[in-house]
Amino acid sequence: MEGEITRLRLLTLKEASEILNVHINTLRRWDREGIIRTVRLPNGYRRIPESEIHRILNGKGEDRGGDNHD
């Protein structure tokens, strides 16, 4: 619908790391390397859109290049 604002669910790094079964530092690295898209809040904290979690889980992204031992 025109003019409708879609609300994104934004996850904390902790929430995303638990869902993806990777360390929080892996998510920070993926952000730096452009593997996963994040949103920066005014306070500088990162949030990960739920759509990115689905993209990674569905294997549509690049090689994740990480594990749970960062």
Protein backbone atom coordinates (compact mmCIF):
# COMPACT_ATOMS: atom_id res chain seq x y z
CA MET A 1 0.00 0.00 0.00
CA GLU A 2 1.33 3.37 -0.98
CA GLY A 3 2.60 5.46 1.90
CA GLU A 4 2.64 2.54 4.31
CA ILE A 5 5.72 2.33 6.47
CA THR A 6 7.11 -1.15 6.91
CA ARG A 7 8.47 -1.74 10.38
CA LEU A 8 11.66 -3.75 10.56
CA ARG A 9 12.29 -5.93 13.55
CA LEU A 10 15.80 -5.13 14.69
CA LEU A 11 17.68 -7.67 16.76
CA THR A 12 20.52 -7.05 19.18
CA LEU A 13 23.86 -8.69 18.44
CA LYS A 14 23.21 -11.09 21.30
CA GLU A 15 19.83 -12.13 19.91
CA ALA A 16 21.23 -12.53 16.40
CA SER A 17 24.27 -14.47 17.62
CA GLU A 18 22.04 -16.94 19.47
CA ILE A 19 19.80 -17.47 16.44
CA LEU A 20 22.73 -17.86 14.03
CA ASN A 21 24.87 -19.80 16.52
CA VAL A 22 27.91 -17.57 16.05
CA HIS A 23 29.87 -15.38 18.43
CA ILE A 24 28.99 -11.69 18.72
CA ASN A 25 32.47 -10.82 17.43
CA THR A 26 31.73 -12.83 14.29
CA LEU A 27 28.72 -10.60 13.64
CA ARG A 28 30.86 -7.51 14.15
CA ARG A 29 33.40 -8.88 11.65
CA TRP A 30 30.66 -9.77 9.14
CA ASP A 31 29.45 -6.19 9.43
CA ARG A 32 32.94 -4.78 8.76
CA GLU A 33 33.36 -7.18 5.81
CA GLY A 34 29.93 -6.38 4.36
CA ILE A 35 28.63 -9.94 4.80
CA ILE A 36 25.67 -8.85 6.89
CA ARG A 37 23.79 -5.56 6.85
CA THR A 38 23.35 -3.78 10.16
CA VAL A 39 21.61 -0.63 11.33
CA ARG A 40 23.47 1.78 13.59
CA LEU A 41 21.46 3.46 16.31
CA PRO A 42 22.21 7.06 17.35
CA ASN A 43 24.21 5.69 20.30
CA GLY A 44 26.44 3.72 17.88
CA TYR A 45 25.08 0.29 18.76
CA ARG A 46 24.41 -2.15 15.95
CA ARG A 47 21.10 -3.84 15.30
CA ILE A 48 20.53 -6.55 12.73
CA PRO A 49 17.33 -6.54 10.69
CA GLU A 50 15.36 -9.76 11.00
CA SER A 51 15.45 -10.01 7.20
CA GLU A 52 19.25 -10.41 7.37
CA ILE A 53 18.86 -13.30 9.81
CA HIS A 54 16.48 -15.01 7.39
CA ARG A 55 18.84 -14.35 4.48
CA ILE A 56 21.79 -15.94 6.29
CA LEU A 57 19.74 -18.90 7.56
CA ASN A 58 18.36 -19.57 4.09
CA GLY A 59 21.86 -19.69 2.66
CA LYS A 60 21.31 -16.78 0.30
CA GLY A 61 24.34 -14.93 1.61
CA GLU A 62 28.02 -15.47 0.98
CA ASP A 63 30.03 -18.05 2.85
CA ARG A 64 29.57 -17.06 6.49
CA GLY A 65 33.24 -17.58 7.21
CA GLY A 66 32.90 -17.94 10.94
CA ASP A 67 32.04 -20.21 13.76
CA ASN A 68 31.22 -19.94 17.41
CA HIS A 69 34.84 -19.60 18.56
CA ASP A 70 35.85 -15.98 17.83
